Amino acid sequence: MHASVLSAVQIAVTFGLVAWMITGFTPLPGRWLRWKMFCRATFTIITLVGAKDGRTEPVNVYEHLSPGSFILGPSQLQTILDHLTASGRYDRIDGYGRVLSARGEQTVEVRGSRVVL
């Protein structure tokens, strides 16, 4: 009798964990980041072009993040753009992309080194 009670508790706990894991992926709105681990994260996927003295080149803002970091929100993006233009590396940076968050997907533009949502 004792072994069957333990077995019933294990089965109940297992089903409870499986149900919790399944529902953990679905309650938040939006197409992206439904898993609760990412519900407060904001990711920016963006393509940028920097201009200096009439020449243009692609800008990779992700190389300016800490090693191993991949979460880049609009405010962090603006900070990196300010650094790149203030340092004289570029006169102007423009681009387009998407911001993914718990609220869903938004388009983002960079015009004249300014982030525009």
PDB file of N, CA and C in Angstrom:
ATOM      1  N   MET A   1       0.822  -1.195   0.000  1.00  0.00           N
ATOM      2  CA  MET A   1       0.000   0.000   0.000  1.00  0.00           C
ATOM      3  C   MET A   1       0.867   1.260   0.000  1.00  0.00           C
ATOM      4  N   HIS A   2       1.953   1.261   0.768  1.00  0.00           N
ATOM      5  CA  HIS A   2       2.827   2.423   0.860  1.00  0.00           C
ATOM      6  C   HIS A   2       3.475   2.741  -0.493  1.00  0.00           C
ATOM      7  N   ALA A   3       3.908   1.727  -1.225  1.00  0.00           N
ATOM      8  CA  ALA A   3       4.537   1.920  -2.530  1.00  0.00           C
ATOM      9  C   ALA A   3       3.539   2.460  -3.551  1.00  0.00           C
ATOM     10  N   SER A   4       2.290   2.023  -3.486  1.00  0.00           N
ATOM     11  CA  SER A   4       1.301   2.513  -4.440  1.00  0.00           C
ATOM     12  C   SER A   4       0.941   3.976  -4.178  1.00  0.00           C
ATOM     13  N   VAL A   5       0.950   4.398  -2.918  1.00  0.00           N
ATOM     14  CA  VAL A   5       0.679   5.810  -2.601  1.00  0.00           C
ATOM     15  C   VAL A   5       1.810   6.681  -3.127  1.00  0.00           C
ATOM     16  N   LEU A   6       3.064   6.239  -2.923  1.00  0.00           N
ATOM     17  CA  LEU A   6       4.213   6.969  -3.434  1.00  0.00           C
ATOM     18  C   LEU A   6       4.156   7.054  -4.955  1.00  0.00           C
ATOM     19  N   SER A   7       3.810   5.969  -5.592  1.00  0.00           N
ATOM     20  CA  SER A   7       3.703   5.953  -7.042  1.00  0.00           C
ATOM     21  C   SER A   7       2.604   6.904  -7.524  1.00  0.00           C
ATOM     22  N   ALA A   8       1.467   6.933  -6.829  1.00  0.00           N
ATOM     23  CA  ALA A   8       0.377   7.842  -7.212  1.00  0.00           C
ATOM     24  C   ALA A   8       0.802   9.296  -7.041  1.00  0.00           C
ATOM     25  N   VAL A   9       1.554   9.599  -5.984  1.00  0.00           N
ATOM     26  CA  VAL A   9       2.044  10.967  -5.761  1.00  0.00           C
ATOM     27  C   VAL A   9       3.041  11.351  -6.856  1.00  0.00           C
ATOM     28  N   GLN A  10       3.931  10.447  -7.217  1.00  0.00           N
ATOM     29  CA  GLN A  10       4.893  10.718  -8.282  1.00  0.00           C
ATOM     30  C   GLN A  10       4.188  10.988  -9.610  1.00  0.00           C
ATOM     31  N   ILE A  11       3.191  10.209  -9.910  1.00  0.00           N
ATOM     32  CA  ILE A  11       2.434  10.409 -11.154  1.00  0.00           C
ATOM     33  C   ILE A  11       1.709  11.751 -11.127  1.00  0.00           C
ATOM     34  N   ALA A  12       1.097  12.092 -10.011  1.00  0.00           N
ATOM     35  CA  ALA A  12       0.378  13.365  -9.900  1.00  0.00           C
ATOM     36  C   ALA A  12       1.332  14.547 -10.043  1.00  0.00           C
ATOM     37  N   VAL A  13       2.490  14.462  -9.394  1.00  0.00           N
ATOM     38  CA  VAL A  13       3.488  15.530  -9.489  1.00  0.00           C
ATOM     39  C   VAL A  13       4.018  15.641 -10.917  1.00  0.00           C
ATOM     40  N   THR A  14       4.255  14.520 -11.553  1.00  0.00           N
ATOM     41  CA  THR A  14       4.735  14.521 -12.939  1.00  0.00           C
ATOM     42  C   THR A  14       3.717  15.176 -13.865  1.00  0.00           C
ATOM     43  N   PHE A  15       2.450  14.807 -13.750  1.00  0.00           N
ATOM     44  CA  PHE A  15       1.412  15.425 -14.577  1.00  0.00           C
ATOM     45  C   PHE A  15       1.289  16.919 -14.282  1.00  0.00           C
ATOM     46  N   GLY A  16       1.411  17.284 -13.022  1.00  0.00           N
ATOM     47  CA  GLY A  16       1.353  18.701 -12.654  1.00  0.00           C
ATOM     48  C   GLY A  16       2.486  19.496 -13.278  1.00  0.00           C
ATOM     49  N   LEU A  17       3.706  18.960 -13.242  1.00  0.00           N
ATOM     50  CA  LEU A  17       4.853  19.633 -13.858  1.00  0.00           C
ATOM     51  C   LEU A  17       4.707  19.727 -15.369  1.00  0.00           C
ATOM     52  N   VAL A  18       4.237  18.674 -15.988  1.00  0.00           N
ATOM     53  CA  VAL A  18       4.040  18.697 -17.446  1.00  0.00           C
ATOM     54  C   VAL A  18       2.994  19.749 -17.822  1.00  0.00           C
ATOM     55  N   ALA A  19       1.900  19.807 -17.089  1.00  0.00           N
ATOM     56  CA  ALA A  19       0.862  20.808 -17.368  1.00  0.00           C
ATOM     57  C   ALA A  19       1.403  22.215 -17.165  1.00  0.00           C
ATOM     58  N   TRP A  20       2.191  22.418 -16.120  1.00  0.00           N
ATOM     59  CA  TRP A  20       2.764  23.744 -15.850  1.00  0.00           C
ATOM     60  C   TRP A  20       3.726  24.155 -16.960  1.00  0.00           C
ATOM     61  N   MET A  21       4.535  23.198 -17.445  1.00  0.00           N
ATOM     62  CA  MET A  21       5.478  23.502 -18.518  1.00  0.00           C
ATOM     63  C   MET A  21       4.751  23.816 -19.826  1.00  0.00           C
ATOM     64  N   ILE A  22       3.684  23.096 -20.126  1.00  0.00           N
ATOM     65  CA  ILE A  22       2.924  23.348 -21.356  1.00  0.00           C
ATOM     66  C   ILE A  22       2.252  24.704 -21.307  1.00  0.00           C
ATOM     67  N   THR A  23       1.611  25.036 -20.217  1.00  0.00           N
ATOM     68  CA  THR A  23       0.919  26.330 -20.121  1.00  0.00           C
ATOM     69  C   THR A  23       1.884  27.481 -19.980  1.00  0.00           C
ATOM     70  N   GLY A  24       3.114  27.234 -19.559  1.00  0.00           N
ATOM     71  CA  GLY A  24       4.108  28.299 -19.430  1.00  0.00           C
ATOM     72  C   GLY A  24       4.497  28.911 -20.757  1.00  0.00           C
ATOM     73  N   PHE A  25       4.279  28.212 -21.855  1.00  0.00           N
ATOM     74  CA  PHE A  25       4.616  28.722 -23.168  1.00  0.00           C
ATOM     75  C   PHE A  25       3.488  29.536 -23.804  1.00  0.00           C
ATOM     76  N   THR A  26       2.287  29.506 -23.263  1.00  0.00           N
ATOM     77  CA  THR A  26       1.162  30.072 -23.982  1.00  0.00           C
ATOM     78  C   THR A  26       0.473  31.294 -23.386  1.00  0.00           C
ATOM     79  N   PRO A  27       0.625  31.699 -22.116  1.00  0.00           N
ATOM     80  CA  PRO A  27      -0.259  32.726 -21.586  1.00  0.00           C
ATOM     81  C   PRO A  27       0.028  34.159 -22.011  1.00  0.00           C
ATOM     82  N   LEU A  28       1.217  34.470 -22.483  1.00  0.00           N
ATOM     83  CA  LEU A  28       1.536  35.861 -22.790  1.00  0.00           C
ATOM     84  C   LEU A  28       1.093  36.233 -24.199  1.00  0.00           C
ATOM     85  N   PRO A  29       0.721  37.488 -24.428  1.00  0.00           N
ATOM     86  CA  PRO A  29       0.303  37.907 -25.765  1.00  0.00           C
ATOM     87  C   PRO A  29       1.503  38.021 -26.704  1.00  0.00           C
ATOM     88  N   GLY A  30       1.217  38.091 -27.976  1.00  0.00           N
ATOM     89  CA  GLY A  30       2.283  38.277 -28.952  1.00  0.00           C
ATOM     90  C   GLY A  30       2.766  36.963 -29.527  1.00  0.00           C
ATOM     91  N   ARG A  31       3.490  37.092 -30.619  1.00  0.00           N
ATOM     92  CA  ARG A  31       3.973  35.918 -31.318  1.00  0.00           C
ATOM     93  C   ARG A  31       5.293  35.419 -30.753  1.00  0.00           C
ATOM     94  N   TRP A  32       6.085  36.308 -30.171  1.00  0.00           N
ATOM     95  CA  TRP A  32       7.421  35.973 -29.702  1.00  0.00           C
ATOM     96  C   TRP A  32       7.457  35.959 -28.185  1.00  0.00           C
ATOM     97  N   LEU A  33       8.411  35.260 -27.641  1.00  0.00           N
ATOM     98  CA  LEU A  33       8.746  35.292 -26.228  1.00  0.00           C
ATOM     99  C   LEU A  33       7.597  34.903 -25.322  1.00  0.00           C
ATOM    100  N   ARG A  34       6.921  33.836 -25.617  1.00  0.00           N
ATOM    101  CA  ARG A  34       5.811  33.399 -24.781  1.00  0.00           C
ATOM    102  C   ARG A  34       6.294  32.689 -23.531  1.00  0.00           C
ATOM    103  N   TRP A  35       7.502  32.185 -23.524  1.00  0.00           N
ATOM    104  CA  TRP A  35       8.004  31.472 -22.374  1.00  0.00           C
ATOM    105  C   TRP A  35       8.307  32.463 -21.266  1.00  0.00           C
ATOM    106  N   LYS A  36       7.931  32.147 -20.035  1.00  0.00           N
ATOM    107  CA  LYS A  36       8.059  33.081 -18.923  1.00  0.00           C
ATOM    108  C   LYS A  36       9.494  33.520 -18.673  1.00  0.00           C
ATOM    109  N   MET A  37      10.458  32.696 -19.042  1.00  0.00           N
ATOM    110  CA  MET A  37      11.850  33.078 -18.851  1.00  0.00           C
ATOM    111  C   MET A  37      12.193  34.336 -19.643  1.00  0.00           C
ATOM    112  N   PHE A  38      11.555  34.549 -20.793  1.00  0.00           N
ATOM    113  CA  PHE A  38      11.854  35.679 -21.648  1.00  0.00           C
ATOM    114  C   PHE A  38      10.839  36.813 -21.537  1.00  0.00           C
ATOM    115  N   CYS A  39       9.898  36.742 -20.617  1.00  0.00           N
ATOM    116  CA  CYS A  39       8.793  37.693 -20.620  1.00  0.00           C
ATOM    117  C   CYS A  39       9.231  39.134 -20.368  1.00  0.00           C
ATOM    118  N   ARG A  40      10.374  39.356 -19.749  1.00  0.00           N
ATOM    119  CA  ARG A  40      10.835  40.724 -19.506  1.00  0.00           C
ATOM    120  C   ARG A  40      11.979  41.127 -20.433  1.00  0.00           C
ATOM    121  N   ALA A  41      12.398  40.251 -21.301  1.00  0.00           N
ATOM    122  CA  ALA A  41      13.508  40.533 -22.207  1.00  0.00           C
ATOM    123  C   ALA A  41      13.008  41.255 -23.447  1.00  0.00           C
ATOM    124  N   THR A  42      13.858  42.101 -23.988  1.00  0.00           N
ATOM    125  CA  THR A  42      13.566  42.797 -25.231  1.00  0.00           C
ATOM    126  C   THR A  42      14.757  42.592 -26.157  1.00  0.00           C
ATOM    127  N   PHE A  43      14.505  42.055 -27.322  1.00  0.00           N
ATOM    128  CA  PHE A  43      15.544  41.779 -28.289  1.00  0.00           C
ATOM    129  C   PHE A  43      15.372  42.702 -29.490  1.00  0.00           C
ATOM    130  N   THR A  44      16.471  43.188 -30.014  1.00  0.00           N
ATOM    131  CA  THR A  44      16.436  44.012 -31.215  1.00  0.00           C
ATOM    132  C   THR A  44      17.239  43.319 -32.299  1.00  0.00           C
ATOM    133  N   ILE A  45      16.607  43.132 -33.437  1.00  0.00           N
ATOM    134  CA  ILE A  45      17.284  42.585 -34.609  1.00  0.00           C
ATOM    135  C   ILE A  45      17.299  43.713 -35.626  1.00  0.00           C
ATOM    136  N   ILE A  46      18.493  44.199 -35.957  1.00  0.00           N
ATOM    137  CA  ILE A  46      18.565  45.419 -36.759  1.00  0.00           C
ATOM    138  C   ILE A  46      19.725  45.362 -37.747  1.00  0.00           C
ATOM    139  N   THR A  47      19.527  46.009 -38.877  1.00  0.00           N
ATOM    140  CA  THR A  47      20.553  46.168 -39.899  1.00  0.00           C
ATOM    141  C   THR A  47      20.882  47.647 -39.975  1.00  0.00           C
ATOM    142  N   LEU A  48      22.153  47.986 -39.801  1.00  0.00           N
ATOM    143  CA  LEU A  48      22.562  49.393 -39.767  1.00  0.00           C
ATOM    144  C   LEU A  48      23.645  49.670 -40.798  1.00  0.00           C
ATOM    145  N   VAL A  49      23.647  50.919 -41.289  1.00  0.00           N
ATOM    146  CA  VAL A  49      24.667  51.396 -42.210  1.00  0.00           C
ATOM    147  C   VAL A  49      25.190  52.714 -41.665  1.00  0.00           C
ATOM    148  N   GLY A  50      26.508  52.799 -41.486  1.00  0.00           N
ATOM    149  CA  GLY A  50      27.129  54.023 -40.992  1.00  0.00           C
ATOM    150  C   GLY A  50      27.779  54.789 -42.124  1.00  0.00           C
ATOM    151  N   ALA A  51      27.699  56.128 -42.043  1.00  0.00           N
ATOM    152  CA  ALA A  51      28.284  56.984 -43.068  1.00  0.00           C
ATOM    153  C   ALA A  51      29.375  57.850 -42.448  1.00  0.00           C
ATOM    154  N   LYS A  52      30.495  57.933 -43.124  1.00  0.00           N
ATOM    155  CA  LYS A  52      31.613  58.775 -42.693  1.00  0.00           C
ATOM    156  C   LYS A  52      32.315  59.298 -43.931  1.00  0.00           C
ATOM    157  N   ASP A  53      32.372  60.613 -44.069  1.00  0.00           N
ATOM    158  CA  ASP A  53      33.048  61.267 -45.201  1.00  0.00           C
ATOM    159  C   ASP A  53      32.548  60.774 -46.556  1.00  0.00           C
ATOM    160  N   GLY A  54      31.249  60.586 -46.685  1.00  0.00           N
ATOM    161  CA  GLY A  54      30.654  60.173 -47.949  1.00  0.00           C
ATOM    162  C   GLY A  54      30.712  58.683 -48.231  1.00  0.00           C
ATOM    163  N   ARG A  55      31.386  57.908 -47.399  1.00  0.00           N
ATOM    164  CA  ARG A  55      31.457  56.463 -47.588  1.00  0.00           C
ATOM    165  C   ARG A  55      30.521  55.795 -46.586  1.00  0.00           C
ATOM    166  N   THR A  56      29.979  54.638 -46.981  1.00  0.00           N
ATOM    167  CA  THR A  56      29.095  53.895 -46.082  1.00  0.00           C
ATOM    168  C   THR A  56      29.662  52.498 -45.855  1.00  0.00           C
ATOM    169  N   GLU A  57      29.327  51.960 -44.692  1.00  0.00           N
ATOM    170  CA  GLU A  57      29.715  50.584 -44.367  1.00  0.00           C
ATOM    171  C   GLU A  57      28.711  50.024 -43.370  1.00  0.00           C
ATOM    172  N   PRO A  58      28.549  48.694 -43.349  1.00  0.00           N
ATOM    173  CA  PRO A  58      27.635  48.083 -42.384  1.00  0.00           C
ATOM    174  C   PRO A  58      28.162  48.269 -40.957  1.00  0.00           C
ATOM    175  N   VAL A  59      27.234  48.435 -40.027  1.00  0.00           N
ATOM    176  CA  VAL A  59      27.579  48.605 -38.613  1.00  0.00           C
ATOM    177  C   VAL A  59      27.021  47.415 -37.847  1.00  0.00           C
ATOM    178  N   ASN A  60      27.885  46.750 -37.082  1.00  0.00           N
ATOM    179  CA  ASN A  60      27.463  45.634 -36.244  1.00  0.00           C
ATOM    180  C   ASN A  60      27.452  46.099 -34.792  1.00  0.00           C
ATOM    181  N   VAL A  61      26.274  46.456 -34.275  1.00  0.00           N
ATOM    182  CA  VAL A  61      26.191  46.942 -32.895  1.00  0.00           C
ATOM    183  C   VAL A  61      26.401  45.828 -31.893  1.00  0.00           C
ATOM    184  N   TYR A  62      26.204  44.587 -32.287  1.00  0.00           N
ATOM    185  CA  TYR A  62      26.324  43.466 -31.369  1.00  0.00           C
ATOM    186  C   TYR A  62      27.777  43.244 -30.922  1.00  0.00           C
ATOM    187  N   GLU A  63      28.740  43.700 -31.710  1.00  0.00           N
ATOM    188  CA  GLU A  63      30.132  43.567 -31.285  1.00  0.00           C
ATOM    189  C   GLU A  63      30.491  44.558 -30.176  1.00  0.00           C
ATOM    190  N   HIS A  64      29.593  45.475 -29.878  1.00  0.00           N
ATOM    191  CA  HIS A  64      29.819  46.435 -28.795  1.00  0.00           C
ATOM    192  C   HIS A  64      29.140  46.007 -27.490  1.00  0.00           C
ATOM    193  N   LEU A  65      28.495  44.851 -27.491  1.00  0.00           N
ATOM    194  CA  LEU A  65      27.880  44.318 -26.278  1.00  0.00           C
ATOM    195  C   LEU A  65      28.910  43.522 -25.486  1.00  0.00           C
ATOM    196  N   SER A  66      28.610  43.247 -24.242  1.00  0.00           N
ATOM    197  CA  SER A  66      29.477  42.407 -23.413  1.00  0.00           C
ATOM    198  C   SER A  66      29.552  41.014 -24.028  1.00  0.00           C
ATOM    199  N   PRO A  67      30.686  40.330 -23.860  1.00  0.00           N
ATOM    200  CA  PRO A  67      30.793  38.965 -24.402  1.00  0.00           C
ATOM    201  C   PRO A  67      29.691  38.065 -23.848  1.00  0.00           C
ATOM    202  N   GLY A  68      29.046  37.334 -24.726  1.00  0.00           N
ATOM    203  CA  GLY A  68      27.977  36.423 -24.336  1.00  0.00           C
ATOM    204  C   GLY A  68      26.621  37.073 -24.223  1.00  0.00           C
ATOM    205  N   SER A  69      26.555  38.385 -24.356  1.00  0.00           N
ATOM    206  CA  SER A  69      25.281  39.086 -24.244  1.00  0.00           C
ATOM    207  C   SER A  69      24.629  39.187 -25.613  1.00  0.00           C
ATOM    208  N   PHE A  70      23.317  39.022 -25.665  1.00  0.00           N
ATOM    209  CA  PHE A  70      22.602  39.132 -26.929  1.00  0.00           C
ATOM    210  C   PHE A  70      21.320  39.936 -26.776  1.00  0.00           C
ATOM    211  N   ILE A  71      21.014  40.374 -25.561  1.00  0.00           N
ATOM    212  CA  ILE A  71      19.792  41.147 -25.333  1.00  0.00           C
ATOM    213  C   ILE A  71      20.109  42.619 -25.554  1.00  0.00           C
ATOM    214  N   LEU A  72      19.464  43.188 -26.542  1.00  0.00           N
ATOM    215  CA  LEU A  72      19.698  44.580 -26.911  1.00  0.00           C
ATOM    216  C   LEU A  72      18.350  45.263 -27.069  1.00  0.00           C
ATOM    217  N   GLY A  73      18.026  46.139 -26.148  1.00  0.00           N
ATOM    218  CA  GLY A  73      16.787  46.906 -26.225  1.00  0.00           C
ATOM    219  C   GLY A  73      17.021  48.227 -26.926  1.00  0.00           C
ATOM    220  N   PRO A  74      15.946  48.962 -27.223  1.00  0.00           N
ATOM    221  CA  PRO A  74      16.094  50.249 -27.910  1.00  0.00           C
ATOM    222  C   PRO A  74      16.965  51.256 -27.157  1.00  0.00           C
ATOM    223  N   SER A  75      16.881  51.297 -25.829  1.00  0.00           N
ATOM    224  CA  SER A  75      17.691  52.267 -25.089  1.00  0.00           C
ATOM    225  C   SER A  75      19.179  51.910 -25.154  1.00  0.00           C
ATOM    226  N   GLN A  76      19.505  50.618 -25.081  1.00  0.00           N
ATOM    227  CA  GLN A  76      20.904  50.212 -25.215  1.00  0.00           C
ATOM    228  C   GLN A  76      21.411  50.471 -26.627  1.00  0.00           C
ATOM    229  N   LEU A  77      20.548  50.253 -27.617  1.00  0.00           N
ATOM    230  CA  LEU A  77      20.906  50.546 -28.999  1.00  0.00           C
ATOM    231  C   LEU A  77      21.226  52.023 -29.163  1.00  0.00           C
ATOM    232  N   GLN A  78      20.406  52.885 -28.581  1.00  0.00           N
ATOM    233  CA  GLN A  78      20.649  54.323 -28.680  1.00  0.00           C
ATOM    234  C   GLN A  78      21.966  54.707 -28.012  1.00  0.00           C
ATOM    235  N   THR A  79      22.288  54.085 -26.892  1.00  0.00           N
ATOM    236  CA  THR A  79      23.556  54.363 -26.210  1.00  0.00           C
ATOM    237  C   THR A  79      24.749  53.996 -27.091  1.00  0.00           C
ATOM    238  N   ILE A  80      24.672  52.852 -27.752  1.00  0.00           N
ATOM    239  CA  ILE A  80      25.762  52.437 -28.642  1.00  0.00           C
ATOM    240  C   ILE A  80      25.871  53.386 -29.835  1.00  0.00           C
ATOM    241  N   LEU A  81      24.735  53.781 -30.401  1.00  0.00           N
ATOM    242  CA  LEU A  81      24.755  54.723 -31.529  1.00  0.00           C
ATOM    243  C   LEU A  81      25.356  56.060 -31.111  1.00  0.00           C
ATOM    244  N   ASP A  82      25.001  56.545 -29.922  1.00  0.00           N
ATOM    245  CA  ASP A  82      25.570  57.797 -29.415  1.00  0.00           C
ATOM    246  C   ASP A  82      27.085  57.686 -29.274  1.00  0.00           C
ATOM    247  N   HIS A  83      27.548  56.547 -28.766  1.00  0.00           N
ATOM    248  CA  HIS A  83      28.995  56.335 -28.617  1.00  0.00           C
ATOM    249  C   HIS A  83      29.697  56.328 -29.978  1.00  0.00           C
ATOM    250  N   LEU A  84      29.117  55.635 -30.949  1.00  0.00           N
ATOM    251  CA  LEU A  84      29.750  55.532 -32.266  1.00  0.00           C
ATOM    252  C   LEU A  84      29.805  56.871 -32.988  1.00  0.00           C
ATOM    253  N   THR A  85      28.793  57.697 -32.819  1.00  0.00           N
ATOM    254  CA  THR A  85      28.813  59.010 -33.481  1.00  0.00           C
ATOM    255  C   THR A  85      29.650  60.023 -32.691  1.00  0.00           C
ATOM    256  N   ALA A  86      29.602  59.963 -31.366  1.00  0.00           N
ATOM    257  CA  ALA A  86      30.389  60.905 -30.547  1.00  0.00           C
ATOM    258  C   ALA A  86      31.890  60.636 -30.670  1.00  0.00           C
ATOM    259  N   SER A  87      32.253  59.384 -30.870  1.00  0.00           N
ATOM    260  CA  SER A  87      33.673  59.040 -30.997  1.00  0.00           C
ATOM    261  C   SER A  87      34.231  59.443 -32.360  1.00  0.00           C
ATOM    262  N   GLY A  88      33.357  59.847 -33.285  1.00  0.00           N
ATOM    263  CA  GLY A  88      33.800  60.253 -34.614  1.00  0.00           C
ATOM    264  C   GLY A  88      33.940  59.108 -35.592  1.00  0.00           C
ATOM    265  N   ARG A  89      33.570  57.922 -35.178  1.00  0.00           N
ATOM    266  CA  ARG A  89      33.683  56.773 -36.082  1.00  0.00           C
ATOM    267  C   ARG A  89      32.726  56.905 -37.259  1.00  0.00           C
ATOM    268  N   TYR A  90      31.520  57.448 -36.996  1.00  0.00           N
ATOM    269  CA  TYR A  90      30.529  57.677 -38.051  1.00  0.00           C
ATOM    270  C   TYR A  90      29.921  59.066 -37.878  1.00  0.00           C
ATOM    271  N   ASP A  91      29.563  59.672 -39.012  1.00  0.00           N
ATOM    272  CA  ASP A  91      28.832  60.941 -38.967  1.00  0.00           C
ATOM    273  C   ASP A  91      27.346  60.699 -38.758  1.00  0.00           C
ATOM    274  N   ARG A  92      26.865  59.610 -39.340  1.00  0.00           N
ATOM    275  CA  ARG A  92      25.440  59.303 -39.303  1.00  0.00           C
ATOM    276  C   ARG A  92      25.252  57.792 -39.421  1.00  0.00           C
ATOM    277  N   ILE A  93      24.243  57.267 -38.721  1.00  0.00           N
ATOM    278  CA  ILE A  93      23.916  55.847 -38.800  1.00  0.00           C
ATOM    279  C   ILE A  93      22.423  55.721 -39.085  1.00  0.00           C
ATOM    280  N   ASP A  94      22.086  54.899 -40.066  1.00  0.00           N
ATOM    281  CA  ASP A  94      20.693  54.653 -40.434  1.00  0.00           C
ATOM    282  C   ASP A  94      20.463  53.150 -40.528  1.00  0.00           C
ATOM    283  N   GLY A  95      19.186  52.751 -40.368  1.00  0.00           N
ATOM    284  CA  GLY A  95      18.878  51.339 -40.496  1.00  0.00           C
ATOM    285  C   GLY A  95      17.440  51.021 -40.155  1.00  0.00           C
ATOM    286  N   TYR A  96      17.143  49.737 -40.159  1.00  0.00           N
ATOM    287  CA  TYR A  96      15.784  49.264 -39.882  1.00  0.00           C
ATOM    288  C   TYR A  96      15.872  47.881 -39.248  1.00  0.00           C
ATOM    289  N   GLY A  97      14.796  47.494 -38.571  1.00  0.00           N
ATOM    290  CA  GLY A  97      14.775  46.183 -37.953  1.00  0.00           C
ATOM    291  C   GLY A  97      13.497  45.941 -37.174  1.00  0.00           C
ATOM    292  N   ARG A  98      13.579  45.021 -36.204  1.00  0.00           N
ATOM    293  CA  ARG A  98      12.420  44.648 -35.396  1.00  0.00           C
ATOM    294  C   ARG A  98      12.816  44.595 -33.928  1.00  0.00           C
ATOM    295  N   VAL A  99      11.856  44.894 -33.071  1.00  0.00           N
ATOM    296  CA  VAL A  99      12.016  44.752 -31.634  1.00  0.00           C
ATOM    297  C   VAL A  99      11.053  43.659 -31.198  1.00  0.00           C
ATOM    298  N   LEU A 100      11.574  42.644 -30.527  1.00  0.00           N
ATOM    299  CA  LEU A 100      10.772  41.522 -30.059  1.00  0.00           C
ATOM    300  C   LEU A 100      10.696  41.589 -28.540  1.00  0.00           C
ATOM    301  N   SER A 101       9.476  41.595 -28.014  1.00  0.00           N
ATOM    302  CA  SER A 101       9.289  41.645 -26.567  1.00  0.00           C
ATOM    303  C   SER A 101       8.019  40.880 -26.220  1.00  0.00           C
ATOM    304  N   ALA A 102       7.653  40.884 -24.948  1.00  0.00           N
ATOM    305  CA  ALA A 102       6.436  40.201 -24.511  1.00  0.00           C
ATOM    306  C   ALA A 102       5.196  40.839 -25.130  1.00  0.00           C
ATOM    307  N   ARG A 103       5.287  42.085 -25.550  1.00  0.00           N
ATOM    308  CA  ARG A 103       4.156  42.767 -26.200  1.00  0.00           C
ATOM    309  C   ARG A 103       4.009  42.385 -27.667  1.00  0.00           C
ATOM    310  N   GLY A 104       4.943  41.628 -28.164  1.00  0.00           N
ATOM    311  CA  GLY A 104       4.888  41.211 -29.561  1.00  0.00           C
ATOM    312  C   GLY A 104       6.046  41.787 -30.354  1.00  0.00           C
ATOM    313  N   GLU A 105       5.826  41.972 -31.634  1.00  0.00           N
ATOM    314  CA  GLU A 105       6.856  42.423 -32.556  1.00  0.00           C
ATOM    315  C   GLU A 105       6.533  43.830 -33.039  1.00  0.00           C
ATOM    316  N   GLN A 106       7.536  44.723 -33.008  1.00  0.00           N
ATOM    317  CA  GLN A 106       7.382  46.092 -33.491  1.00  0.00           C
ATOM    318  C   GLN A 106       8.497  46.370 -34.490  1.00  0.00           C
ATOM    319  N   THR A 107       8.233  47.259 -35.412  1.00  0.00           N
ATOM    320  CA  THR A 107       9.310  47.692 -36.301  1.00  0.00           C
ATOM    321  C   THR A 107      10.072  48.820 -35.619  1.00  0.00           C
ATOM    322  N   VAL A 108      11.334  48.918 -35.952  1.00  0.00           N
ATOM    323  CA  VAL A 108      12.182  49.981 -35.413  1.00  0.00           C
ATOM    324  C   VAL A 108      13.030  50.517 -36.568  1.00  0.00           C
ATOM    325  N   GLU A 109      13.244  51.819 -36.542  1.00  0.00           N
ATOM    326  CA  GLU A 109      14.096  52.470 -37.544  1.00  0.00           C
ATOM    327  C   GLU A 109      15.146  53.287 -36.824  1.00  0.00           C
ATOM    328  N   VAL A 110      16.271  53.433 -37.477  1.00  0.00           N
ATOM    329  CA  VAL A 110      17.289  54.372 -37.018  1.00  0.00           C
ATOM    330  C   VAL A 110      17.446  55.387 -38.129  1.00  0.00           C
ATOM    331  N   ARG A 111      17.130  56.634 -37.801  1.00  0.00           N
ATOM    332  CA  ARG A 111      17.225  57.731 -38.773  1.00  0.00           C
ATOM    333  C   ARG A 111      18.105  58.828 -38.180  1.00  0.00           C
ATOM    334  N   GLY A 112      19.153  59.164 -38.844  1.00  0.00           N
ATOM    335  CA  GLY A 112      20.035  60.218 -38.345  1.00  0.00           C
ATOM    336  C   GLY A 112      20.589  59.875 -36.982  1.00  0.00           C
ATOM    337  N   SER A 113      20.951  58.626 -36.774  1.00  0.00           N
ATOM    338  CA  SER A 113      21.538  58.128 -35.513  1.00  0.00           C
ATOM    339  C   SER A 113      20.571  58.168 -34.347  1.00  0.00           C
ATOM    340  N   ARG A 114      19.273  58.205 -34.594  1.00  0.00           N
ATOM    341  CA  ARG A 114      18.254  58.208 -33.551  1.00  0.00           C
ATOM    342  C   ARG A 114      17.324  57.020 -33.741  1.00  0.00           C
ATOM    343  N   VAL A 115      17.039  56.316 -32.651  1.00  0.00           N
ATOM    344  CA  VAL A 115      16.125  55.166 -32.681  1.00  0.00           C
ATOM    345  C   VAL A 115      14.704  55.664 -32.704  1.00  0.00           C
ATOM    346  N   VAL A 116      13.922  55.198 -33.667  1.00  0.00           N
ATOM    347  CA  VAL A 116      12.524  55.584 -33.821  1.00  0.00           C
ATOM    348  C   VAL A 116      11.668  54.315 -33.807  1.00  0.00           C
ATOM    349  N   LEU A 117      10.809  54.203 -32.812  1.00  0.00           N
ATOM    350  CA  LEU A 117       9.914  53.037 -32.738  1.00  0.00           C
ATOM    351  C   LEU A 117       8.626  53.303 -33.475  1.00  0.00           C
TER     352      LEU A 117
END
